[in-house]
Amino acid sequence: MSGDLTKQALRAEVAARRRARPQPGRDAAAAALVERVLALPELTAASTITAYESLPAEPGTGPLLAALRARGVRVLLPVLRDDNDLDWVAGGEALGVDAVRTAHVLVCPAVAVTLDGRRLGRGGGSYDRVLARVDRSALTVALLHDDEVLDDLPTDPHDRAVDVVVTPTRTLR
């Protein structure tokens, strides 16, 4: 099976598992993710963070976004462009693709991640572009369910790894 077909199959498998999760479990996972992300030492000094509004079956980011804003953190949210790149907005203000360079921490969506940080995204390459654009000193974090951390997954040269994987029960660096 080719890498692209394997990636498609993994995306479909994870999407099915995510849709099957009962809502109370999703809510509990979102609450646990907030605690784990806020416990990252790098967040203490971070004044600008990128995050995203999770899709219904993804690990929930609503509580995290609220907690970051309550701390006074500037949260940049992505807006998908026609070319699959990402613009960024904060407080309703459009900031452009390079605004991500101001972020100290990037919270990224992922379908699956390996123990060494190799990330499988949704397939459009948007976050691979973003991760290539930011300074290496910025901390990159993927939010996942526990069963989405895998021993291996197919990757391509353009796929960008993350520094930290946060699940409801563990934080992996």
C-alpha atoms as a PDB file:
ATOM      1  CA  MET A   1       0.000   0.000   0.000  1.00  0.00           C
ATOM      2  CA  SER A   2       1.370   3.442  -0.867  1.00  0.00           C
ATOM      3  CA  GLY A   3       2.067   6.036   1.808  1.00  0.00           C
ATOM      4  CA  ASP A   4      -0.850   8.208   0.683  1.00  0.00           C
ATOM      5  CA  LEU A   5      -3.275   5.270   0.823  1.00  0.00           C
ATOM      6  CA  THR A   6      -1.950   4.272   4.232  1.00  0.00           C
ATOM      7  CA  LYS A   7      -2.380   7.844   5.467  1.00  0.00           C
ATOM      8  CA  GLN A   8      -5.944   7.915   4.099  1.00  0.00           C
ATOM      9  CA  ALA A   9      -6.738   4.631   5.830  1.00  0.00           C
ATOM     10  CA  LEU A  10      -5.324   5.898   9.142  1.00  0.00           C
ATOM     11  CA  ARG A  11      -7.272   9.141   8.860  1.00  0.00           C
ATOM     12  CA  ALA A  12     -10.491   7.197   8.187  1.00  0.00           C
ATOM     13  CA  GLU A  13      -9.840   4.807  11.082  1.00  0.00           C
ATOM     14  CA  VAL A  14      -9.132   7.594  13.568  1.00  0.00           C
ATOM     15  CA  ALA A  15     -12.114   9.627  12.357  1.00  0.00           C
ATOM     16  CA  ALA A  16     -14.422   6.637  12.915  1.00  0.00           C
ATOM     17  CA  ARG A  17     -13.046   6.097  16.446  1.00  0.00           C
ATOM     18  CA  ARG A  18     -13.425   9.782  17.239  1.00  0.00           C
ATOM     19  CA  ARG A  19     -17.044   9.858  16.048  1.00  0.00           C
ATOM     20  CA  ALA A  20     -17.816   6.784  18.176  1.00  0.00           C
ATOM     21  CA  ARG A  21     -16.609   8.407  21.417  1.00  0.00           C
ATOM     22  CA  PRO A  22     -19.528   9.297  23.711  1.00  0.00           C
ATOM     23  CA  GLN A  23     -19.923  12.994  24.512  1.00  0.00           C
ATOM     24  CA  PRO A  24     -19.231  12.624  28.266  1.00  0.00           C
ATOM     25  CA  GLY A  25     -15.879  11.028  27.404  1.00  0.00           C
ATOM     26  CA  ARG A  26     -15.093  13.841  24.974  1.00  0.00           C
ATOM     27  CA  ASP A  27     -15.890  16.435  27.632  1.00  0.00           C
ATOM     28  CA  ALA A  28     -13.706  14.703  30.217  1.00  0.00           C
ATOM     29  CA  ALA A  29     -10.845  14.465  27.712  1.00  0.00           C
ATOM     30  CA  ALA A  30     -11.109  18.195  26.911  1.00  0.00           C
ATOM     31  CA  ALA A  31     -10.945  19.051  30.620  1.00  0.00           C
ATOM     32  CA  ALA A  32      -7.893  16.831  31.119  1.00  0.00           C
ATOM     33  CA  LEU A  33      -6.162  18.351  28.076  1.00  0.00           C
ATOM     34  CA  VAL A  34      -6.562  21.868  29.518  1.00  0.00           C
ATOM     35  CA  GLU A  35      -4.829  20.878  32.747  1.00  0.00           C
ATOM     36  CA  ARG A  36      -1.971  19.152  30.941  1.00  0.00           C
ATOM     37  CA  VAL A  37      -1.401  21.954  28.421  1.00  0.00           C
ATOM     38  CA  LEU A  38      -1.526  24.671  31.091  1.00  0.00           C
ATOM     39  CA  ALA A  39       1.031  22.671  33.114  1.00  0.00           C
ATOM     40  CA  LEU A  40       3.635  22.951  30.335  1.00  0.00           C
ATOM     41  CA  PRO A  41       6.413  25.179  31.730  1.00  0.00           C
ATOM     42  CA  GLU A  42       6.776  26.976  28.389  1.00  0.00           C
ATOM     43  CA  LEU A  43       3.275  28.408  28.762  1.00  0.00           C
ATOM     44  CA  THR A  44       4.261  30.431  31.817  1.00  0.00           C
ATOM     45  CA  ALA A  45       6.065  33.077  29.786  1.00  0.00           C
ATOM     46  CA  ALA A  46       4.095  32.687  26.534  1.00  0.00           C
ATOM     47  CA  SER A  47       2.175  35.823  25.651  1.00  0.00           C
ATOM     48  CA  THR A  48       1.072  34.653  22.184  1.00  0.00           C
ATOM     49  CA  ILE A  49      -0.130  31.140  21.415  1.00  0.00           C
ATOM     50  CA  THR A  50      -1.731  29.633  18.352  1.00  0.00           C
ATOM     51  CA  ALA A  51      -4.575  27.215  18.877  1.00  0.00           C
ATOM     52  CA  TYR A  52      -7.609  26.097  16.910  1.00  0.00           C
ATOM     53  CA  GLU A  53     -11.312  25.533  17.333  1.00  0.00           C
ATOM     54  CA  SER A  54     -11.681  21.772  17.338  1.00  0.00           C
ATOM     55  CA  LEU A  55     -14.113  19.969  15.098  1.00  0.00           C
ATOM     56  CA  PRO A  56     -16.851  18.101  17.002  1.00  0.00           C
ATOM     57  CA  ALA A  57     -15.087  14.714  17.098  1.00  0.00           C
ATOM     58  CA  GLU A  58     -11.555  16.072  17.674  1.00  0.00           C
ATOM     59  CA  PRO A  59     -10.042  16.398  21.142  1.00  0.00           C
ATOM     60  CA  GLY A  60     -11.890  19.455  22.418  1.00  0.00           C
ATOM     61  CA  THR A  61     -10.149  22.816  22.544  1.00  0.00           C
ATOM     62  CA  GLY A  62     -13.016  25.000  23.794  1.00  0.00           C
ATOM     63  CA  PRO A  63     -12.005  24.827  27.472  1.00  0.00           C
ATOM     64  CA  LEU A  64      -8.348  25.397  26.557  1.00  0.00           C
ATOM     65  CA  LEU A  65      -9.156  28.500  24.498  1.00  0.00           C
ATOM     66  CA  ALA A  66     -11.225  29.896  27.375  1.00  0.00           C
ATOM     67  CA  ALA A  67      -8.466  29.198  29.919  1.00  0.00           C
ATOM     68  CA  LEU A  68      -5.779  30.817  27.758  1.00  0.00           C
ATOM     69  CA  ARG A  69      -7.870  33.937  27.225  1.00  0.00           C
ATOM     70  CA  ALA A  70      -8.668  34.094  30.959  1.00  0.00           C
ATOM     71  CA  ARG A  71      -4.898  34.176  31.573  1.00  0.00           C
ATOM     72  CA  GLY A  72      -4.580  37.152  29.227  1.00  0.00           C
ATOM     73  CA  VAL A  73      -2.780  35.177  26.524  1.00  0.00           C
ATOM     74  CA  ARG A  74      -3.153  36.418  22.965  1.00  0.00           C
ATOM     75  CA  VAL A  75      -4.619  33.469  21.053  1.00  0.00           C
ATOM     76  CA  LEU A  76      -4.156  33.309  17.294  1.00  0.00           C
ATOM     77  CA  LEU A  77      -6.706  31.154  15.485  1.00  0.00           C
ATOM     78  CA  PRO A  78      -6.205  29.791  11.962  1.00  0.00           C
ATOM     79  CA  VAL A  79      -8.326  30.647   8.952  1.00  0.00           C
ATOM     80  CA  LEU A  80      -7.906  28.342   5.961  1.00  0.00           C
ATOM     81  CA  ARG A  81      -7.036  30.136   2.732  1.00  0.00           C
ATOM     82  CA  ASP A  82      -7.953  28.953  -0.763  1.00  0.00           C
ATOM     83  CA  ASP A  83      -4.368  27.715  -1.274  1.00  0.00           C
ATOM     84  CA  ASN A  84      -4.561  25.567   1.937  1.00  0.00           C
ATOM     85  CA  ASP A  85      -2.194  27.896   3.783  1.00  0.00           C
ATOM     86  CA  LEU A  86      -3.344  29.491   7.035  1.00  0.00           C
ATOM     87  CA  ASP A  87      -4.037  33.103   7.869  1.00  0.00           C
ATOM     88  CA  TRP A  88      -4.336  33.996  11.548  1.00  0.00           C
ATOM     89  CA  VAL A  89      -6.879  36.054  13.465  1.00  0.00           C
ATOM     90  CA  ALA A  90      -6.950  37.389  17.015  1.00  0.00           C
ATOM     91  CA  GLY A  91      -9.890  39.232  18.491  1.00  0.00           C
ATOM     92  CA  GLY A  92     -11.548  39.374  15.079  1.00  0.00           C
ATOM     93  CA  GLU A  93      -8.530  41.059  13.459  1.00  0.00           C
ATOM     94  CA  ALA A  94      -6.994  39.375  10.392  1.00  0.00           C
ATOM     95  CA  LEU A  95      -3.220  39.208  10.799  1.00  0.00           C
ATOM     96  CA  GLY A  96      -1.884  37.333   7.740  1.00  0.00           C
ATOM     97  CA  VAL A  97       0.151  34.164   7.289  1.00  0.00           C
ATOM     98  CA  ASP A  98       3.312  35.455   8.960  1.00  0.00           C
ATOM     99  CA  ALA A  99       1.559  36.345  12.242  1.00  0.00           C
ATOM    100  CA  VAL A 100       2.308  32.812  13.392  1.00  0.00           C
ATOM    101  CA  ARG A 101       5.971  33.843  13.715  1.00  0.00           C
ATOM    102  CA  THR A 102       5.024  35.843  16.835  1.00  0.00           C
ATOM    103  CA  ALA A 103       3.742  32.771  18.687  1.00  0.00           C
ATOM    104  CA  HIS A 104       5.757  31.229  21.506  1.00  0.00           C
ATOM    105  CA  VAL A 105       3.661  28.048  21.554  1.00  0.00           C
ATOM    106  CA  LEU A 106       1.734  26.444  18.696  1.00  0.00           C
ATOM    107  CA  VAL A 107      -1.080  24.061  19.569  1.00  0.00           C
ATOM    108  CA  CYS A 108      -1.676  22.017  16.413  1.00  0.00           C
ATOM    109  CA  PRO A 109      -4.373  19.576  15.399  1.00  0.00           C
ATOM    110  CA  ALA A 110      -3.301  16.067  14.488  1.00  0.00           C
ATOM    111  CA  VAL A 111      -4.888  12.805  13.485  1.00  0.00           C
ATOM    112  CA  ALA A 112      -2.071  10.761  15.014  1.00  0.00           C
ATOM    113  CA  VAL A 113       1.476  11.291  16.252  1.00  0.00           C
ATOM    114  CA  THR A 114       4.323   8.894  16.947  1.00  0.00           C
ATOM    115  CA  LEU A 115       6.224   8.736  20.210  1.00  0.00           C
ATOM    116  CA  ASP A 116       9.019  10.769  18.575  1.00  0.00           C
ATOM    117  CA  GLY A 117       6.656  13.526  17.415  1.00  0.00           C
ATOM    118  CA  ARG A 118       6.042  12.620  13.778  1.00  0.00           C
ATOM    119  CA  ARG A 119       2.612  14.041  13.025  1.00  0.00           C
ATOM    120  CA  LEU A 120      -0.142  12.914  10.683  1.00  0.00           C
ATOM    121  CA  GLY A 121      -2.447  15.799   9.858  1.00  0.00           C
ATOM    122  CA  ARG A 122      -5.713  16.029   7.989  1.00  0.00           C
ATOM    123  CA  GLY A 123      -4.022  15.871   4.604  1.00  0.00           C
ATOM    124  CA  GLY A 124      -4.003  19.427   3.278  1.00  0.00           C
ATOM    125  CA  GLY A 125      -0.464  20.289   4.392  1.00  0.00           C
ATOM    126  CA  SER A 126      -1.572  23.511   6.093  1.00  0.00           C
ATOM    127  CA  TYR A 127       0.191  22.858   9.384  1.00  0.00           C
ATOM    128  CA  ASP A 128       3.276  21.459   7.664  1.00  0.00           C
ATOM    129  CA  ARG A 129       3.614  24.914   6.054  1.00  0.00           C
ATOM    130  CA  VAL A 130       3.018  26.637   9.378  1.00  0.00           C
ATOM    131  CA  LEU A 131       5.530  24.487  11.254  1.00  0.00           C
ATOM    132  CA  ALA A 132       8.133  25.163   8.562  1.00  0.00           C
ATOM    133  CA  ARG A 133       7.512  28.910   8.904  1.00  0.00           C
ATOM    134  CA  VAL A 134       7.974  29.299  12.655  1.00  0.00           C
ATOM    135  CA  ASP A 135      11.181  29.702  14.598  1.00  0.00           C
ATOM    136  CA  ARG A 136      12.560  26.438  16.003  1.00  0.00           C
ATOM    137  CA  SER A 137      12.436  27.966  19.494  1.00  0.00           C
ATOM    138  CA  ALA A 138       8.631  27.990  19.404  1.00  0.00           C
ATOM    139  CA  LEU A 139       7.164  24.984  21.202  1.00  0.00           C
ATOM    140  CA  THR A 140       4.870  22.865  19.022  1.00  0.00           C
ATOM    141  CA  VAL A 141       2.177  20.808  20.736  1.00  0.00           C
ATOM    142  CA  ALA A 142      -0.280  18.257  19.322  1.00  0.00           C
ATOM    143  CA  LEU A 143      -3.490  17.356  21.159  1.00  0.00           C
ATOM    144  CA  LEU A 144      -4.681  13.760  20.838  1.00  0.00           C
ATOM    145  CA  HIS A 145      -6.628  10.974  22.457  1.00  0.00           C
ATOM    146  CA  ASP A 146      -4.443   8.306  24.060  1.00  0.00           C
ATOM    147  CA  ASP A 147      -5.075   5.727  21.341  1.00  0.00           C
ATOM    148  CA  GLU A 148      -3.886   8.159  18.643  1.00  0.00           C
ATOM    149  CA  VAL A 149      -0.242   8.020  19.784  1.00  0.00           C
ATOM    150  CA  LEU A 150       1.276   5.340  17.565  1.00  0.00           C
ATOM    151  CA  ASP A 151       4.587   3.508  17.350  1.00  0.00           C
ATOM    152  CA  ASP A 152       4.900   4.325  13.663  1.00  0.00           C
ATOM    153  CA  LEU A 153       3.071   6.022  10.813  1.00  0.00           C
ATOM    154  CA  PRO A 154       3.871   6.875   7.221  1.00  0.00           C
ATOM    155  CA  THR A 155       5.567  10.220   6.733  1.00  0.00           C
ATOM    156  CA  ASP A 156       6.870  12.251   3.830  1.00  0.00           C
ATOM    157  CA  PRO A 157       9.871  14.613   3.738  1.00  0.00           C
ATOM    158  CA  HIS A 158       7.576  17.671   4.058  1.00  0.00           C
ATOM    159  CA  ASP A 159       5.835  16.325   7.199  1.00  0.00           C
ATOM    160  CA  ARG A 160       6.872  18.309  10.259  1.00  0.00           C
ATOM    161  CA  ALA A 161       7.230  16.825  13.725  1.00  0.00           C
ATOM    162  CA  VAL A 162       5.949  18.372  16.951  1.00  0.00           C
ATOM    163  CA  ASP A 163       7.874  18.845  20.197  1.00  0.00           C
ATOM    164  CA  VAL A 164       5.190  17.720  22.643  1.00  0.00           C
ATOM    165  CA  VAL A 165       2.202  15.394  22.465  1.00  0.00           C
ATOM    166  CA  VAL A 166      -0.546  15.942  25.025  1.00  0.00           C
ATOM    167  CA  THR A 167      -3.257  13.363  25.665  1.00  0.00           C
ATOM    168  CA  PRO A 168      -5.783  13.259  28.507  1.00  0.00           C
ATOM    169  CA  THR A 169      -3.477  10.980  30.523  1.00  0.00           C
ATOM    170  CA  ARG A 170       0.095  11.865  29.515  1.00  0.00           C
ATOM    171  CA  THR A 171       2.496  14.448  28.173  1.00  0.00           C
ATOM    172  CA  LEU A 172       5.218  13.174  25.834  1.00  0.00           C
ATOM    173  CA  ARG A 173       8.304  15.131  24.809  1.00  0.00           C
END
